[in-house]
Amino acid sequence: MSIKHYNATEDGVEPDWSTFDAIEVGPCAAHADAVDSLDPSEVGGDGKIFWCVYGHCTEGGRVAITDVKTQHQAQRVALSYERKLRAARPELRPCSRCGWLFDEVLLGPTGCPNCHGEGLT
């Protein structure tokens, strides 16, 4: 199955990877008038659930990049986007505890904003 990348971005254009500090994946529910992010524990089998790959903005918040049908597809897409992010932001390093990318120079070796991990891998 082919995935249409950047289908959740404005105009379907590849984002500026340098504006992100992480890639996230999360389930969403489509309704007649809105789309809601879900907690993964809320995912059911009603067929209205899809998965979104987000860029986590350096200034906070997140931006939807690509929507896909399954969690597996979202995780595969997220890995490819993480490679693009690391190419755009080589100063980011993965936390040894949770894998979240962060700027060691800016935050220090124990400054992971996700888990306050114990340094880099």
PDB file of N, CA and C in Angstrom:
ATOM      1  N   MET A   1       0.841  -1.180   0.000  1.00  0.00           N
ATOM      2  CA  MET A   1       0.000   0.000   0.000  1.00  0.00           C
ATOM      3  C   MET A   1       0.890   1.248   0.000  1.00  0.00           C
ATOM      4  N   SER A   2       0.614   2.122  -0.885  1.00  0.00           N
ATOM      5  CA  SER A   2       1.372   3.360  -0.997  1.00  0.00           C
ATOM      6  C   SER A   2       0.827   4.410  -0.025  1.00  0.00           C
ATOM      7  N   ILE A   3       1.722   5.112   0.610  1.00  0.00           N
ATOM      8  CA  ILE A   3       1.339   6.161   1.564  1.00  0.00           C
ATOM      9  C   ILE A   3       1.534   7.516   0.907  1.00  0.00           C
ATOM     10  N   LYS A   4       0.525   8.355   0.996  1.00  0.00           N
ATOM     11  CA  LYS A   4       0.632   9.714   0.485  1.00  0.00           C
ATOM     12  C   LYS A   4       1.226  10.575   1.598  1.00  0.00           C
ATOM     13  N   HIS A   5       2.485  10.916   1.438  1.00  0.00           N
ATOM     14  CA  HIS A   5       3.179  11.712   2.447  1.00  0.00           C
ATOM     15  C   HIS A   5       2.705  13.166   2.423  1.00  0.00           C
ATOM     16  N   TYR A   6       2.761  13.779   3.592  1.00  0.00           N
ATOM     17  CA  TYR A   6       2.444  15.204   3.806  1.00  0.00           C
ATOM     18  C   TYR A   6       0.972  15.511   3.517  1.00  0.00           C
ATOM     19  N   ASN A   7       0.098  14.512   3.640  1.00  0.00           N
ATOM     20  CA  ASN A   7      -1.307  14.732   3.361  1.00  0.00           C
ATOM     21  C   ASN A   7      -2.028  15.519   4.458  1.00  0.00           C
ATOM     22  N   ALA A   8      -1.354  15.765   5.576  1.00  0.00           N
ATOM     23  CA  ALA A   8      -1.962  16.554   6.652  1.00  0.00           C
ATOM     24  C   ALA A   8      -1.349  17.952   6.758  1.00  0.00           C
ATOM     25  N   THR A   9      -0.382  18.258   5.895  1.00  0.00           N
ATOM     26  CA  THR A   9       0.234  19.582   5.923  1.00  0.00           C
ATOM     27  C   THR A   9      -0.546  20.539   5.032  1.00  0.00           C
ATOM     28  N   GLU A  10      -0.310  21.799   5.275  1.00  0.00           N
ATOM     29  CA  GLU A  10      -0.943  22.811   4.430  1.00  0.00           C
ATOM     30  C   GLU A  10      -0.411  22.659   3.010  1.00  0.00           C
ATOM     31  N   ASP A  11      -1.292  22.532   2.053  1.00  0.00           N
ATOM     32  CA  ASP A  11      -0.953  22.398   0.632  1.00  0.00           C
ATOM     33  C   ASP A  11      -0.188  21.120   0.298  1.00  0.00           C
ATOM     34  N   GLY A  12      -0.109  20.157   1.228  1.00  0.00           N
ATOM     35  CA  GLY A  12       0.561  18.900   0.959  1.00  0.00           C
ATOM     36  C   GLY A  12       2.050  19.025   0.722  1.00  0.00           C
ATOM     37  N   VAL A  13       2.660  20.039   1.320  1.00  0.00           N
ATOM     38  CA  VAL A  13       4.075  20.341   1.108  1.00  0.00           C
ATOM     39  C   VAL A  13       4.917  19.791   2.264  1.00  0.00           C
ATOM     40  N   GLU A  14       6.093  19.274   1.932  1.00  0.00           N
ATOM     41  CA  GLU A  14       7.008  18.787   2.966  1.00  0.00           C
ATOM     42  C   GLU A  14       7.332  19.918   3.941  1.00  0.00           C
ATOM     43  N   PRO A  15       7.307  19.637   5.247  1.00  0.00           N
ATOM     44  CA  PRO A  15       7.565  20.690   6.228  1.00  0.00           C
ATOM     45  C   PRO A  15       9.044  21.049   6.323  1.00  0.00           C
ATOM     46  N   ASP A  16       9.304  22.158   6.975  1.00  0.00           N
ATOM     47  CA  ASP A  16      10.673  22.564   7.292  1.00  0.00           C
ATOM     48  C   ASP A  16      11.083  21.784   8.536  1.00  0.00           C
ATOM     49  N   TRP A  17      11.879  20.737   8.355  1.00  0.00           N
ATOM     50  CA  TRP A  17      12.240  19.834   9.451  1.00  0.00           C
ATOM     51  C   TRP A  17      12.986  20.548  10.565  1.00  0.00           C
ATOM     52  N   SER A  18      13.655  21.652  10.256  1.00  0.00           N
ATOM     53  CA  SER A  18      14.436  22.348  11.284  1.00  0.00           C
ATOM     54  C   SER A  18      13.557  23.015  12.344  1.00  0.00           C
ATOM     55  N   THR A  19      12.249  23.091  12.108  1.00  0.00           N
ATOM     56  CA  THR A  19      11.359  23.709  13.094  1.00  0.00           C
ATOM     57  C   THR A  19      10.882  22.710  14.144  1.00  0.00           C
ATOM     58  N   PHE A  20      11.282  21.437  13.999  1.00  0.00           N
ATOM     59  CA  PHE A  20      10.850  20.395  14.931  1.00  0.00           C
ATOM     60  C   PHE A  20      12.009  19.914  15.792  1.00  0.00           C
ATOM     61  N   ASP A  21      11.638  19.353  16.946  1.00  0.00           N
ATOM     62  CA  ASP A  21      12.646  18.718  17.780  1.00  0.00           C
ATOM     63  C   ASP A  21      12.322  17.249  18.052  1.00  0.00           C
ATOM     64  N   ALA A  22      11.213  16.773  17.524  1.00  0.00           N
ATOM     65  CA  ALA A  22      10.841  15.363  17.670  1.00  0.00           C
ATOM     66  C   ALA A  22       9.739  15.028  16.674  1.00  0.00           C
ATOM     67  N   ILE A  23       9.570  13.734  16.470  1.00  0.00           N
ATOM     68  CA  ILE A  23       8.469  13.207  15.665  1.00  0.00           C
ATOM     69  C   ILE A  23       7.605  12.377  16.604  1.00  0.00           C
ATOM     70  N   GLU A  24       6.294  12.568  16.516  1.00  0.00           N
ATOM     71  CA  GLU A  24       5.359  11.849  17.375  1.00  0.00           C
ATOM     72  C   GLU A  24       4.328  11.118  16.524  1.00  0.00           C
ATOM     73  N   VAL A  25       3.720  10.087  17.107  1.00  0.00           N
ATOM     74  CA  VAL A  25       2.657   9.319  16.469  1.00  0.00           C
ATOM     75  C   VAL A  25       1.491   9.271  17.441  1.00  0.00           C
ATOM     76  N   GLY A  26       0.288   9.457  16.912  1.00  0.00           N
ATOM     77  CA  GLY A  26      -0.876   9.361  17.788  1.00  0.00           C
ATOM     78  C   GLY A  26      -2.134   9.011  17.029  1.00  0.00           C
ATOM     79  N   PRO A  27      -3.070   8.339  17.714  1.00  0.00           N
ATOM     80  CA  PRO A  27      -4.343   8.000  17.090  1.00  0.00           C
ATOM     81  C   PRO A  27      -5.283   9.195  17.066  1.00  0.00           C
ATOM     82  N   CYS A  28      -6.152   9.214  16.076  1.00  0.00           N
ATOM     83  CA  CYS A  28      -7.146  10.281  15.934  1.00  0.00           C
ATOM     84  C   CYS A  28      -8.484   9.654  15.573  1.00  0.00           C
ATOM     85  N   ALA A  29      -9.542  10.381  15.858  1.00  0.00           N
ATOM     86  CA  ALA A  29     -10.890   9.942  15.493  1.00  0.00           C
ATOM     87  C   ALA A  29     -11.506  10.992  14.588  1.00  0.00           C
ATOM     88  N   ALA A  30     -12.096  10.540  13.489  1.00  0.00           N
ATOM     89  CA  ALA A  30     -12.768  11.450  12.565  1.00  0.00           C
ATOM     90  C   ALA A  30     -14.252  11.510  12.914  1.00  0.00           C
ATOM     91  N   HIS A  31     -14.764  12.727  13.007  1.00  0.00           N
ATOM     92  CA  HIS A  31     -16.187  12.970  13.244  1.00  0.00           C
ATOM     93  C   HIS A  31     -16.722  13.784  12.072  1.00  0.00           C
ATOM     94  N   ALA A  32     -18.002  13.966  12.009  1.00  0.00           N
ATOM     95  CA  ALA A  32     -18.619  14.716  10.908  1.00  0.00           C
ATOM     96  C   ALA A  32     -18.088  16.137  10.817  1.00  0.00           C
ATOM     97  N   ASP A  33     -17.772  16.756  11.963  1.00  0.00           N
ATOM     98  CA  ASP A  33     -17.386  18.166  11.956  1.00  0.00           C
ATOM     99  C   ASP A  33     -16.003  18.444  12.533  1.00  0.00           C
ATOM    100  N   ALA A  34     -15.264  17.411  12.943  1.00  0.00           N
ATOM    101  CA  ALA A  34     -13.964  17.659  13.574  1.00  0.00           C
ATOM    102  C   ALA A  34     -13.125  16.387  13.579  1.00  0.00           C
ATOM    103  N   VAL A  35     -11.848  16.564  13.912  1.00  0.00           N
ATOM    104  CA  VAL A  35     -10.927  15.465  14.142  1.00  0.00           C
ATOM    105  C   VAL A  35     -10.366  15.650  15.536  1.00  0.00           C
ATOM    106  N   ASP A  36     -10.402  14.601  16.349  1.00  0.00           N
ATOM    107  CA  ASP A  36      -9.895  14.660  17.713  1.00  0.00           C
ATOM    108  C   ASP A  36      -8.699  13.746  17.872  1.00  0.00           C
ATOM    109  N   SER A  37      -7.674  14.243  18.577  1.00  0.00           N
ATOM    110  CA  SER A  37      -6.578  13.375  18.990  1.00  0.00           C
ATOM    111  C   SER A  37      -7.098  12.491  20.109  1.00  0.00           C
ATOM    112  N   LEU A  38      -6.617  11.256  20.152  1.00  0.00           N
ATOM    113  CA  LEU A  38      -7.043  10.321  21.171  1.00  0.00           C
ATOM    114  C   LEU A  38      -5.870   9.876  22.014  1.00  0.00           C
ATOM    115  N   ASP A  39      -6.151   9.450  23.222  1.00  0.00           N
ATOM    116  CA  ASP A  39      -5.174   8.745  24.031  1.00  0.00           C
ATOM    117  C   ASP A  39      -5.120   7.330  23.432  1.00  0.00           C
ATOM    118  N   PRO A  40      -3.936   6.726  23.311  1.00  0.00           N
ATOM    119  CA  PRO A  40      -3.875   5.381  22.728  1.00  0.00           C
ATOM    120  C   PRO A  40      -4.779   4.366  23.426  1.00  0.00           C
ATOM    121  N   SER A  41      -5.064   4.558  24.711  1.00  0.00           N
ATOM    122  CA  SER A  41      -5.945   3.624  25.416  1.00  0.00           C
ATOM    123  C   SER A  41      -7.393   3.733  24.950  1.00  0.00           C
ATOM    124  N   GLU A  42      -7.736   4.809  24.227  1.00  0.00           N
ATOM    125  CA  GLU A  42      -9.099   5.015  23.747  1.00  0.00           C
ATOM    126  C   GLU A  42      -9.359   4.419  22.362  1.00  0.00           C
ATOM    127  N   VAL A  43      -8.342   3.823  21.758  1.00  0.00           N
ATOM    128  CA  VAL A  43      -8.478   3.307  20.404  1.00  0.00           C
ATOM    129  C   VAL A  43      -9.398   2.097  20.410  1.00  0.00           C
ATOM    130  N   GLY A  44     -10.431   2.170  19.594  1.00  0.00           N
ATOM    131  CA  GLY A  44     -11.409   1.080  19.492  1.00  0.00           C
ATOM    132  C   GLY A  44     -11.420   0.519  18.087  1.00  0.00           C
ATOM    133  N   GLY A  45     -12.341  -0.349  17.810  1.00  0.00           N
ATOM    134  CA  GLY A  45     -12.399  -0.996  16.511  1.00  0.00           C
ATOM    135  C   GLY A  45     -13.535  -0.511  15.637  1.00  0.00           C
ATOM    136  N   ASP A  46     -13.967   0.741  15.789  1.00  0.00           N
ATOM    137  CA  ASP A  46     -15.137   1.202  15.039  1.00  0.00           C
ATOM    138  C   ASP A  46     -14.821   1.659  13.623  1.00  0.00           C
ATOM    139  N   GLY A  47     -13.563   1.618  13.205  1.00  0.00           N
ATOM    140  CA  GLY A  47     -13.210   1.967  11.842  1.00  0.00           C
ATOM    141  C   GLY A  47     -13.041   3.452  11.582  1.00  0.00           C
ATOM    142  N   LYS A  48     -13.317   4.288  12.547  1.00  0.00           N
ATOM    143  CA  LYS A  48     -13.180   5.733  12.358  1.00  0.00           C
ATOM    144  C   LYS A  48     -11.844   6.239  12.873  1.00  0.00           C
ATOM    145  N   ILE A  49     -11.015   5.337  13.355  1.00  0.00           N
ATOM    146  CA  ILE A  49      -9.719   5.706  13.907  1.00  0.00           C
ATOM    147  C   ILE A  49      -8.681   5.712  12.788  1.00  0.00           C
ATOM    148  N   PHE A  50      -7.827   6.714  12.801  1.00  0.00           N
ATOM    149  CA  PHE A  50      -6.658   6.724  11.927  1.00  0.00           C
ATOM    150  C   PHE A  50      -5.485   7.211  12.761  1.00  0.00           C
ATOM    151  N   TRP A  51      -4.313   7.178  12.197  1.00  0.00           N
ATOM    152  CA  TRP A  51      -3.096   7.540  12.930  1.00  0.00           C
ATOM    153  C   TRP A  51      -2.436   8.727  12.259  1.00  0.00           C
ATOM    154  N   CYS A  52      -1.913   9.611  13.065  1.00  0.00           N
ATOM    155  CA  CYS A  52      -1.259  10.818  12.555  1.00  0.00           C
ATOM    156  C   CYS A  52       0.194  10.843  12.993  1.00  0.00           C
ATOM    157  N   VAL A  53       1.055  11.262  12.087  1.00  0.00           N
ATOM    158  CA  VAL A  53       2.460  11.496  12.394  1.00  0.00           C
ATOM    159  C   VAL A  53       2.619  13.005  12.505  1.00  0.00           C
ATOM    160  N   TYR A  54       3.133  13.435  13.645  1.00  0.00           N
ATOM    161  CA  TYR A  54       3.274  14.856  13.957  1.00  0.00           C
ATOM    162  C   TYR A  54       4.741  15.251  14.052  1.00  0.00           C
ATOM    163  N   GLY A  55       5.017  16.515  13.781  1.00  0.00           N
ATOM    164  CA  GLY A  55       6.291  17.109  14.124  1.00  0.00           C
ATOM    165  C   GLY A  55       6.082  17.886  15.413  1.00  0.00           C
ATOM    166  N   HIS A  56       6.912  17.616  16.420  1.00  0.00           N
ATOM    167  CA  HIS A  56       6.835  18.370  17.673  1.00  0.00           C
ATOM    168  C   HIS A  56       7.652  19.642  17.490  1.00  0.00           C
ATOM    169  N   CYS A  57       7.011  20.791  17.633  1.00  0.00           N
ATOM    170  CA  CYS A  57       7.641  22.088  17.378  1.00  0.00           C
ATOM    171  C   CYS A  57       8.612  22.453  18.501  1.00  0.00           C
ATOM    172  N   THR A  58       9.722  23.058  18.132  1.00  0.00           N
ATOM    173  CA  THR A  58      10.711  23.460  19.135  1.00  0.00           C
ATOM    174  C   THR A  58      10.133  24.470  20.123  1.00  0.00           C
ATOM    175  N   GLU A  59       9.164  25.240  19.689  1.00  0.00           N
ATOM    176  CA  GLU A  59       8.539  26.241  20.561  1.00  0.00           C
ATOM    177  C   GLU A  59       7.330  25.683  21.308  1.00  0.00           C
ATOM    178  N   GLY A  60       7.080  24.395  21.189  1.00  0.00           N
ATOM    179  CA  GLY A  60       5.942  23.760  21.836  1.00  0.00           C
ATOM    180  C   GLY A  60       4.831  23.485  20.856  1.00  0.00           C
ATOM    181  N   GLY A  61       3.967  22.555  21.204  1.00  0.00           N
ATOM    182  CA  GLY A  61       2.880  22.161  20.327  1.00  0.00           C
ATOM    183  C   GLY A  61       3.360  21.185  19.272  1.00  0.00           C
ATOM    184  N   ARG A  62       2.448  20.799  18.422  1.00  0.00           N
ATOM    185  CA  ARG A  62       2.803  19.878  17.359  1.00  0.00           C
ATOM    186  C   ARG A  62       1.989  20.178  16.106  1.00  0.00           C
ATOM    187  N   VAL A  63       2.541  19.734  14.978  1.00  0.00           N
ATOM    188  CA  VAL A  63       1.931  19.972  13.670  1.00  0.00           C
ATOM    189  C   VAL A  63       1.717  18.626  12.991  1.00  0.00           C
ATOM    190  N   ALA A  64       0.512  18.383  12.505  1.00  0.00           N
ATOM    191  CA  ALA A  64       0.221  17.148  11.770  1.00  0.00           C
ATOM    192  C   ALA A  64       0.954  17.169  10.433  1.00  0.00           C
ATOM    193  N   ILE A  65       1.607  16.054  10.120  1.00  0.00           N
ATOM    194  CA  ILE A  65       2.352  15.950   8.866  1.00  0.00           C
ATOM    195  C   ILE A  65       1.673  14.969   7.911  1.00  0.00           C
ATOM    196  N   THR A  66       1.414  13.756   8.393  1.00  0.00           N
ATOM    197  CA  THR A  66       0.837  12.722   7.541  1.00  0.00           C
ATOM    198  C   THR A  66      -0.154  11.879   8.328  1.00  0.00           C
ATOM    199  N   ASP A  67      -1.302  11.609   7.726  1.00  0.00           N
ATOM    200  CA  ASP A  67      -2.310  10.723   8.297  1.00  0.00           C
ATOM    201  C   ASP A  67      -2.264   9.388   7.555  1.00  0.00           C
ATOM    202  N   VAL A  68      -2.335   8.287   8.304  1.00  0.00           N
ATOM    203  CA  VAL A  68      -2.346   6.947   7.724  1.00  0.00           C
ATOM    204  C   VAL A  68      -3.406   6.098   8.428  1.00  0.00           C
ATOM    205  N   LYS A  69      -3.670   4.917   7.893  1.00  0.00           N
ATOM    206  CA  LYS A  69      -4.746   4.080   8.420  1.00  0.00           C
ATOM    207  C   LYS A  69      -4.370   3.285   9.666  1.00  0.00           C
ATOM    208  N   THR A  70      -3.110   2.838   9.762  1.00  0.00           N
ATOM    209  CA  THR A  70      -2.754   1.936  10.856  1.00  0.00           C
ATOM    210  C   THR A  70      -1.593   2.474  11.697  1.00  0.00           C
ATOM    211  N   GLN A  71      -1.508   1.961  12.900  1.00  0.00           N
ATOM    212  CA  GLN A  71      -0.404   2.332  13.777  1.00  0.00           C
ATOM    213  C   GLN A  71       0.929   1.880  13.177  1.00  0.00           C
ATOM    214  N   HIS A  72       0.948   0.695  12.591  1.00  0.00           N
ATOM    215  CA  HIS A  72       2.173   0.191  11.976  1.00  0.00           C
ATOM    216  C   HIS A  72       2.666   1.136  10.872  1.00  0.00           C
ATOM    217  N   GLN A  73       1.759   1.580  10.009  1.00  0.00           N
ATOM    218  CA  GLN A  73       2.143   2.530   8.955  1.00  0.00           C
ATOM    219  C   GLN A  73       2.686   3.814   9.581  1.00  0.00           C
ATOM    220  N   ALA A  74       2.028   4.294  10.615  1.00  0.00           N
ATOM    221  CA  ALA A  74       2.461   5.537  11.270  1.00  0.00           C
ATOM    222  C   ALA A  74       3.860   5.391  11.850  1.00  0.00           C
ATOM    223  N   GLN A  75       4.149   4.259  12.457  1.00  0.00           N
ATOM    224  CA  GLN A  75       5.479   4.047  13.026  1.00  0.00           C
ATOM    225  C   GLN A  75       6.541   3.983  11.941  1.00  0.00           C
ATOM    226  N   ARG A  76       6.231   3.344  10.810  1.00  0.00           N
ATOM    227  CA  ARG A  76       7.178   3.293   9.685  1.00  0.00           C
ATOM    228  C   ARG A  76       7.445   4.688   9.129  1.00  0.00           C
ATOM    229  N   VAL A  77       6.375   5.467   8.944  1.00  0.00           N
ATOM    230  CA  VAL A  77       6.521   6.833   8.440  1.00  0.00           C
ATOM    231  C   VAL A  77       7.309   7.672   9.433  1.00  0.00           C
ATOM    232  N   ALA A  78       7.008   7.522  10.710  1.00  0.00           N
ATOM    233  CA  ALA A  78       7.704   8.301  11.748  1.00  0.00           C
ATOM    234  C   ALA A  78       9.209   8.035  11.721  1.00  0.00           C
ATOM    235  N   LEU A  79       9.619   6.790  11.513  1.00  0.00           N
ATOM    236  CA  LEU A  79      11.052   6.481  11.435  1.00  0.00           C
ATOM    237  C   LEU A  79      11.710   7.196  10.261  1.00  0.00           C
ATOM    238  N   SER A  80      11.020   7.227   9.117  1.00  0.00           N
ATOM    239  CA  SER A  80      11.613   7.912   7.961  1.00  0.00           C
ATOM    240  C   SER A  80      11.676   9.423   8.205  1.00  0.00           C
ATOM    241  N   TYR A  81      10.670   9.971   8.875  1.00  0.00           N
ATOM    242  CA  TYR A  81      10.680  11.408   9.172  1.00  0.00           C
ATOM    243  C   TYR A  81      11.722  11.749  10.224  1.00  0.00           C
ATOM    244  N   GLU A  82      11.957  10.829  11.152  1.00  0.00           N
ATOM    245  CA  GLU A  82      12.992  11.077  12.149  1.00  0.00           C
ATOM    246  C   GLU A  82      14.365  11.180  11.480  1.00  0.00           C
ATOM    247  N   ARG A  83      14.602  10.381  10.451  1.00  0.00           N
ATOM    248  CA  ARG A  83      15.869  10.489   9.712  1.00  0.00           C
ATOM    249  C   ARG A  83      15.995  11.868   9.060  1.00  0.00           C
ATOM    250  N   LYS A  84      14.898  12.373   8.511  1.00  0.00           N
ATOM    251  CA  LYS A  84      14.912  13.714   7.907  1.00  0.00           C
ATOM    252  C   LYS A  84      15.163  14.781   8.979  1.00  0.00           C
ATOM    253  N   LEU A  85      14.545  14.598  10.130  1.00  0.00           N
ATOM    254  CA  LEU A  85      14.739  15.538  11.233  1.00  0.00           C
ATOM    255  C   LEU A  85      16.192  15.542  11.695  1.00  0.00           C
ATOM    256  N   ARG A  86      16.774  14.371  11.832  1.00  0.00           N
ATOM    257  CA  ARG A  86      18.172  14.291  12.289  1.00  0.00           C
ATOM    258  C   ARG A  86      19.122  14.893  11.260  1.00  0.00           C
ATOM    259  N   ALA A  87      18.791  14.786   9.974  1.00  0.00           N
ATOM    260  CA  ALA A  87      19.620  15.416   8.942  1.00  0.00           C
ATOM    261  C   ALA A  87      19.517  16.935   9.028  1.00  0.00           C
ATOM    262  N   ALA A  88      18.327  17.433   9.324  1.00  0.00           N
ATOM    263  CA  ALA A  88      18.118  18.880   9.421  1.00  0.00           C
ATOM    264  C   ALA A  88      18.636  19.449  10.733  1.00  0.00           C
ATOM    265  N   ARG A  89      18.637  18.640  11.785  1.00  0.00           N
ATOM    266  CA  ARG A  89      19.030  19.093  13.126  1.00  0.00           C
ATOM    267  C   ARG A  89      20.059  18.127  13.713  1.00  0.00           C
ATOM    268  N   PRO A  90      21.300  18.111  13.180  1.00  0.00           N
ATOM    269  CA  PRO A  90      22.299  17.128  13.635  1.00  0.00           C
ATOM    270  C   PRO A  90      22.693  17.284  15.104  1.00  0.00           C
ATOM    271  N   GLU A  91      22.341  18.412  15.699  1.00  0.00           N
ATOM    272  CA  GLU A  91      22.667  18.601  17.117  1.00  0.00           C
ATOM    273  C   GLU A  91      21.763  17.793  18.039  1.00  0.00           C
ATOM    274  N   LEU A  92      20.668  17.278  17.509  1.00  0.00           N
ATOM    275  CA  LEU A  92      19.754  16.478  18.318  1.00  0.00           C
ATOM    276  C   LEU A  92      20.324  15.081  18.504  1.00  0.00           C
ATOM    277  N   ARG A  93      20.226  14.579  19.726  1.00  0.00           N
ATOM    278  CA  ARG A  93      20.701  13.243  20.060  1.00  0.00           C
ATOM    279  C   ARG A  93      19.596  12.501  20.799  1.00  0.00           C
ATOM    280  N   PRO A  94      19.537  11.174  20.663  1.00  0.00           N
ATOM    281  CA  PRO A  94      18.489  10.431  21.356  1.00  0.00           C
ATOM    282  C   PRO A  94      18.817  10.222  22.833  1.00  0.00           C
ATOM    283  N   CYS A  95      17.816  10.355  23.669  1.00  0.00           N
ATOM    284  CA  CYS A  95      17.938  10.068  25.090  1.00  0.00           C
ATOM    285  C   CYS A  95      18.162   8.566  25.252  1.00  0.00           C
ATOM    286  N   SER A  96      19.062   8.176  26.141  1.00  0.00           N
ATOM    287  CA  SER A  96      19.332   6.754  26.342  1.00  0.00           C
ATOM    288  C   SER A  96      18.179   6.044  27.039  1.00  0.00           C
ATOM    289  N   ARG A  97      17.325   6.780  27.708  1.00  0.00           N
ATOM    290  CA  ARG A  97      16.210   6.153  28.415  1.00  0.00           C
ATOM    291  C   ARG A  97      14.985   5.980  27.514  1.00  0.00           C
ATOM    292  N   CYS A  98      14.578   7.044  26.786  1.00  0.00           N
ATOM    293  CA  CYS A  98      13.312   6.977  26.053  1.00  0.00           C
ATOM    294  C   CYS A  98      13.463   7.120  24.540  1.00  0.00           C
ATOM    295  N   GLY A  99      14.638   7.523  24.049  1.00  0.00           N
ATOM    296  CA  GLY A  99      14.850   7.671  22.617  1.00  0.00           C
ATOM    297  C   GLY A  99      14.443   9.015  22.045  1.00  0.00           C
ATOM    298  N   TRP A 100      13.834   9.883  22.848  1.00  0.00           N
ATOM    299  CA  TRP A 100      13.400  11.209  22.399  1.00  0.00           C
ATOM    300  C   TRP A 100      14.628  12.015  21.993  1.00  0.00           C
ATOM    301  N   LEU A 101      14.541  12.695  20.868  1.00  0.00           N
ATOM    302  CA  LEU A 101      15.649  13.539  20.427  1.00  0.00           C
ATOM    303  C   LEU A 101      15.647  14.842  21.219  1.00  0.00           C
ATOM    304  N   PHE A 102      16.828  15.299  21.624  1.00  0.00           N
ATOM    305  CA  PHE A 102      16.930  16.591  22.288  1.00  0.00           C
ATOM    306  C   PHE A 102      18.310  17.178  22.067  1.00  0.00           C
ATOM    307  N   ASP A 103      18.423  18.463  22.323  1.00  0.00           N
ATOM    308  CA  ASP A 103      19.655  19.211  22.113  1.00  0.00           C
ATOM    309  C   ASP A 103      20.477  19.175  23.388  1.00  0.00           C
ATOM    310  N   GLU A 104      21.511  18.336  23.416  1.00  0.00           N
ATOM    311  CA  GLU A 104      22.342  18.180  24.603  1.00  0.00           C
ATOM    312  C   GLU A 104      23.071  19.467  24.957  1.00  0.00           C
ATOM    313  N   VAL A 105      23.496  20.219  23.948  1.00  0.00           N
ATOM    314  CA  VAL A 105      24.215  21.466  24.212  1.00  0.00           C
ATOM    315  C   VAL A 105      23.305  22.457  24.927  1.00  0.00           C
ATOM    316  N   LEU A 106      22.068  22.542  24.475  1.00  0.00           N
ATOM    317  CA  LEU A 106      21.116  23.475  25.057  1.00  0.00           C
ATOM    318  C   LEU A 106      20.597  23.015  26.423  1.00  0.00           C
ATOM    319  N   LEU A 107      20.298  21.721  26.546  1.00  0.00           N
ATOM    320  CA  LEU A 107      19.631  21.218  27.751  1.00  0.00           C
ATOM    321  C   LEU A 107      20.525  20.415  28.688  1.00  0.00           C
ATOM    322  N   GLY A 108      21.742  20.080  28.259  1.00  0.00           N
ATOM    323  CA  GLY A 108      22.620  19.265  29.092  1.00  0.00           C
ATOM    324  C   GLY A 108      22.342  17.786  28.888  1.00  0.00           C
ATOM    325  N   PRO A 109      23.287  16.918  29.298  1.00  0.00           N
ATOM    326  CA  PRO A 109      23.151  15.488  29.033  1.00  0.00           C
ATOM    327  C   PRO A 109      21.988  14.826  29.761  1.00  0.00           C
ATOM    328  N   THR A 110      21.463  15.419  30.819  1.00  0.00           N
ATOM    329  CA  THR A 110      20.315  14.829  31.523  1.00  0.00           C
ATOM    330  C   THR A 110      19.059  15.655  31.312  1.00  0.00           C
ATOM    331  N   GLY A 111      19.068  16.485  30.262  1.00  0.00           N
ATOM    332  CA  GLY A 111      17.966  17.411  30.062  1.00  0.00           C
ATOM    333  C   GLY A 111      16.869  16.975  29.126  1.00  0.00           C
ATOM    334  N   CYS A 112      16.689  15.674  28.941  1.00  0.00           N
ATOM    335  CA  CYS A 112      15.625  15.217  28.053  1.00  0.00           C
ATOM    336  C   CYS A 112      14.288  15.779  28.515  1.00  0.00           C
ATOM    337  N   PRO A 113      13.614  16.541  27.659  1.00  0.00           N
ATOM    338  CA  PRO A 113      12.336  17.123  28.060  1.00  0.00           C
ATOM    339  C   PRO A 113      11.209  16.106  28.176  1.00  0.00           C
ATOM    340  N   ASN A 114      11.433  14.912  27.635  1.00  0.00           N
ATOM    341  CA  ASN A 114      10.388  13.887  27.678  1.00  0.00           C
ATOM    342  C   ASN A 114      10.415  13.102  28.991  1.00  0.00           C
ATOM    343  N   CYS A 115      11.579  12.633  29.397  1.00  0.00           N
ATOM    344  CA  CYS A 115      11.638  11.784  30.591  1.00  0.00           C
ATOM    345  C   CYS A 115      12.705  12.225  31.584  1.00  0.00           C
ATOM    346  N   HIS A 116      13.463  13.262  31.265  1.00  0.00           N
ATOM    347  CA  HIS A 116      14.578  13.716  32.105  1.00  0.00           C
ATOM    348  C   HIS A 116      15.584  12.573  32.275  1.00  0.00           C
ATOM    349  N   GLY A 117      15.879  11.933  31.142  1.00  0.00           N
ATOM    350  CA  GLY A 117      16.723  10.747  31.088  1.00  0.00           C
ATOM    351  C   GLY A 117      18.151  10.965  31.562  1.00  0.00           C
ATOM    352  N   GLU A 118      18.889   9.918  31.465  1.00  0.00           N
ATOM    353  CA  GLU A 118      20.250   9.909  31.995  1.00  0.00           C
ATOM    354  C   GLU A 118      21.303  10.076  30.911  1.00  0.00           C
ATOM    355  N   GLY A 119      21.014  10.807  29.872  1.00  0.00           N
ATOM    356  CA  GLY A 119      22.046  11.090  28.888  1.00  0.00           C
ATOM    357  C   GLY A 119      21.776  10.529  27.519  1.00  0.00           C
ATOM    358  N   LEU A 120      22.829  10.469  26.763  1.00  0.00           N
ATOM    359  CA  LEU A 120      22.741  10.122  25.356  1.00  0.00           C
ATOM    360  C   LEU A 120      23.158   8.700  25.104  1.00  0.00           C
ATOM    361  N   THR A 121      22.669   8.180  23.982  1.00  0.00           N
ATOM    362  CA  THR A 121      23.113   6.846  23.563  1.00  0.00           C
ATOM    363  C   THR A 121      24.346   7.003  22.711  1.00  0.00           C
TER     364      THR A 121
END
